[in-house]
Amino acid sequence: MRFVEIKTLDQQAILSVHRTRDLVVRQRTQTVNMLRAQLAEFGIVFPQGVGRATKFAKRMFDGDDLDLPDNVTGVIAELCEQLLFLHAKISSYSLRMTQVT
């Protein structure tokens, strides 16, 4: 039987940052997929990829008009806001990971 060495507090702290970043990455992917699906319902399609989705979200906040009903525009704006927030959190966690290691 093999025994595993007990992790130090610093090792556990680093792992918690990795796990949290992984969770936020999955949430960002879900948000991008939901955004693309909602827009596809109205015939607006943009290519796959987080970079393209964040560019779209930034354009929405710069005042791009989609010519959709107001309640749909509100939902799309909320998804774009959430996407940009999650993207910023991932960058923050990535920075923390590079500073620790």
C-alpha atoms as a PDB file:
ATOM      1  CA  MET A   1       0.000   0.000   0.000  1.00  0.00           C
ATOM      2  CA  ARG A   2       1.271   3.464  -0.895  1.00  0.00           C
ATOM      3  CA  PHE A   3       0.954   6.353   1.488  1.00  0.00           C
ATOM      4  CA  VAL A   4       0.406   9.926   0.404  1.00  0.00           C
ATOM      5  CA  GLU A   5       2.230  12.747   2.082  1.00  0.00           C
ATOM      6  CA  ILE A   6       0.001  15.278   3.835  1.00  0.00           C
ATOM      7  CA  LYS A   7      -0.258  18.574   1.966  1.00  0.00           C
ATOM      8  CA  THR A   8       0.982  21.764   3.551  1.00  0.00           C
ATOM      9  CA  LEU A   9      -1.314  24.745   4.026  1.00  0.00           C
ATOM     10  CA  ASP A  10       0.386  26.523   1.118  1.00  0.00           C
ATOM     11  CA  GLN A  11      -0.200  23.528  -1.166  1.00  0.00           C
ATOM     12  CA  GLN A  12      -3.852  23.384  -0.138  1.00  0.00           C
ATOM     13  CA  ALA A  13      -4.211  27.123  -0.782  1.00  0.00           C
ATOM     14  CA  ILE A  14      -2.780  26.796  -4.294  1.00  0.00           C
ATOM     15  CA  LEU A  15      -5.077  23.861  -5.038  1.00  0.00           C
ATOM     16  CA  SER A  16      -8.096  25.854  -3.884  1.00  0.00           C
ATOM     17  CA  VAL A  17      -7.231  28.619  -6.354  1.00  0.00           C
ATOM     18  CA  HIS A  18      -6.883  26.038  -9.154  1.00  0.00           C
ATOM     19  CA  ARG A  19     -10.225  24.422  -8.309  1.00  0.00           C
ATOM     20  CA  THR A  20     -12.020  27.746  -8.077  1.00  0.00           C
ATOM     21  CA  ARG A  21     -10.583  28.914 -11.402  1.00  0.00           C
ATOM     22  CA  ASP A  22     -11.714  25.632 -12.974  1.00  0.00           C
ATOM     23  CA  LEU A  23     -15.245  26.215 -11.679  1.00  0.00           C
ATOM     24  CA  VAL A  24     -15.345  29.750 -13.068  1.00  0.00           C
ATOM     25  CA  VAL A  25     -14.054  28.523 -16.454  1.00  0.00           C
ATOM     26  CA  ARG A  26     -16.928  26.014 -16.589  1.00  0.00           C
ATOM     27  CA  GLN A  27     -19.408  28.757 -15.660  1.00  0.00           C
ATOM     28  CA  ARG A  28     -18.016  30.994 -18.405  1.00  0.00           C
ATOM     29  CA  THR A  29     -18.418  28.179 -20.936  1.00  0.00           C
ATOM     30  CA  GLN A  30     -22.016  27.679 -19.840  1.00  0.00           C
ATOM     31  CA  THR A  31     -22.684  31.396 -20.158  1.00  0.00           C
ATOM     32  CA  VAL A  32     -21.186  31.531 -23.656  1.00  0.00           C
ATOM     33  CA  ASN A  33     -23.288  28.544 -24.727  1.00  0.00           C
ATOM     34  CA  MET A  34     -26.452  30.110 -23.300  1.00  0.00           C
ATOM     35  CA  LEU A  35     -25.705  33.429 -24.989  1.00  0.00           C
ATOM     36  CA  ARG A  36     -25.159  31.751 -28.356  1.00  0.00           C
ATOM     37  CA  ALA A  37     -28.334  29.670 -27.940  1.00  0.00           C
ATOM     38  CA  GLN A  38     -30.477  32.673 -26.995  1.00  0.00           C
ATOM     39  CA  LEU A  39     -29.199  34.674 -29.951  1.00  0.00           C
ATOM     40  CA  ALA A  40     -29.605  31.742 -32.346  1.00  0.00           C
ATOM     41  CA  GLU A  41     -33.320  31.679 -31.472  1.00  0.00           C
ATOM     42  CA  PHE A  42     -33.542  35.102 -33.118  1.00  0.00           C
ATOM     43  CA  GLY A  43     -31.290  34.296 -36.068  1.00  0.00           C
ATOM     44  CA  ILE A  44     -28.145  35.958 -34.721  1.00  0.00           C
ATOM     45  CA  VAL A  45     -25.177  33.623 -34.941  1.00  0.00           C
ATOM     46  CA  PHE A  46     -21.563  34.319 -34.098  1.00  0.00           C
ATOM     47  CA  PRO A  47     -18.643  31.887 -34.283  1.00  0.00           C
ATOM     48  CA  GLN A  48     -17.761  29.619 -31.393  1.00  0.00           C
ATOM     49  CA  GLY A  49     -15.064  30.568 -28.955  1.00  0.00           C
ATOM     50  CA  VAL A  50     -14.664  32.575 -25.803  1.00  0.00           C
ATOM     51  CA  GLY A  51     -12.737  35.329 -27.580  1.00  0.00           C
ATOM     52  CA  ARG A  52     -15.528  35.928 -30.067  1.00  0.00           C
ATOM     53  CA  ALA A  53     -18.134  35.884 -27.305  1.00  0.00           C
ATOM     54  CA  THR A  54     -16.256  38.413 -25.182  1.00  0.00           C
ATOM     55  CA  LYS A  55     -15.838  40.681 -28.221  1.00  0.00           C
ATOM     56  CA  PHE A  56     -19.584  40.434 -28.802  1.00  0.00           C
ATOM     57  CA  ALA A  57     -20.269  41.224 -25.132  1.00  0.00           C
ATOM     58  CA  LYS A  58     -17.985  44.263 -25.250  1.00  0.00           C
ATOM     59  CA  ARG A  59     -19.714  45.507 -28.404  1.00  0.00           C
ATOM     60  CA  MET A  60     -23.066  45.166 -26.626  1.00  0.00           C
ATOM     61  CA  PHE A  61     -21.837  47.469 -23.867  1.00  0.00           C
ATOM     62  CA  ASP A  62     -20.464  49.908 -26.434  1.00  0.00           C
ATOM     63  CA  GLY A  63     -24.007  50.375 -27.694  1.00  0.00           C
ATOM     64  CA  ASP A  64     -24.503  47.826 -30.470  1.00  0.00           C
ATOM     65  CA  ASP A  65     -28.227  47.483 -31.155  1.00  0.00           C
ATOM     66  CA  LEU A  66     -29.531  44.008 -32.000  1.00  0.00           C
ATOM     67  CA  ASP A  67     -33.055  45.086 -32.970  1.00  0.00           C
ATOM     68  CA  LEU A  68     -34.665  42.577 -30.606  1.00  0.00           C
ATOM     69  CA  PRO A  69     -37.590  42.936 -28.196  1.00  0.00           C
ATOM     70  CA  ASP A  70     -36.718  44.867 -25.041  1.00  0.00           C
ATOM     71  CA  ASN A  71     -37.039  41.938 -22.647  1.00  0.00           C
ATOM     72  CA  VAL A  72     -34.752  39.817 -24.835  1.00  0.00           C
ATOM     73  CA  THR A  73     -32.225  42.638 -25.086  1.00  0.00           C
ATOM     74  CA  GLY A  74     -32.242  42.825 -21.290  1.00  0.00           C
ATOM     75  CA  VAL A  75     -31.532  39.106 -20.960  1.00  0.00           C
ATOM     76  CA  ILE A  76     -28.747  39.283 -23.543  1.00  0.00           C
ATOM     77  CA  ALA A  77     -27.231  42.275 -21.760  1.00  0.00           C
ATOM     78  CA  GLU A  78     -27.277  40.381 -18.445  1.00  0.00           C
ATOM     79  CA  LEU A  79     -25.580  37.373 -20.036  1.00  0.00           C
ATOM     80  CA  CYS A  80     -22.952  39.652 -21.586  1.00  0.00           C
ATOM     81  CA  GLU A  81     -22.374  41.323 -18.220  1.00  0.00           C
ATOM     82  CA  GLN A  82     -21.995  37.939 -16.533  1.00  0.00           C
ATOM     83  CA  LEU A  83     -19.631  36.751 -19.257  1.00  0.00           C
ATOM     84  CA  LEU A  84     -17.360  39.781 -18.866  1.00  0.00           C
ATOM     85  CA  PHE A  85     -17.413  39.404 -15.071  1.00  0.00           C
ATOM     86  CA  LEU A  86     -16.451  35.717 -15.269  1.00  0.00           C
ATOM     87  CA  HIS A  87     -13.741  36.487 -17.809  1.00  0.00           C
ATOM     88  CA  ALA A  88     -12.248  39.056 -15.435  1.00  0.00           C
ATOM     89  CA  LYS A  89     -12.393  36.587 -12.525  1.00  0.00           C
ATOM     90  CA  ILE A  90     -10.528  33.972 -14.565  1.00  0.00           C
ATOM     91  CA  SER A  91      -7.835  36.510 -15.353  1.00  0.00           C
ATOM     92  CA  SER A  92      -7.605  37.354 -11.658  1.00  0.00           C
ATOM     93  CA  TYR A  93      -7.236  33.698 -10.652  1.00  0.00           C
ATOM     94  CA  SER A  94      -4.678  33.107 -13.399  1.00  0.00           C
ATOM     95  CA  LEU A  95      -2.635  36.027 -12.121  1.00  0.00           C
ATOM     96  CA  ARG A  96      -2.786  34.632  -8.582  1.00  0.00           C
ATOM     97  CA  MET A  97      -1.621  31.253  -9.817  1.00  0.00           C
ATOM     98  CA  THR A  98       1.400  32.726 -11.571  1.00  0.00           C
ATOM     99  CA  GLN A  99       2.327  34.833  -8.553  1.00  0.00           C
ATOM    100  CA  VAL A 100       2.284  31.842  -6.214  1.00  0.00           C
ATOM    101  CA  THR A 101       4.289  29.450  -8.367  1.00  0.00           C
END
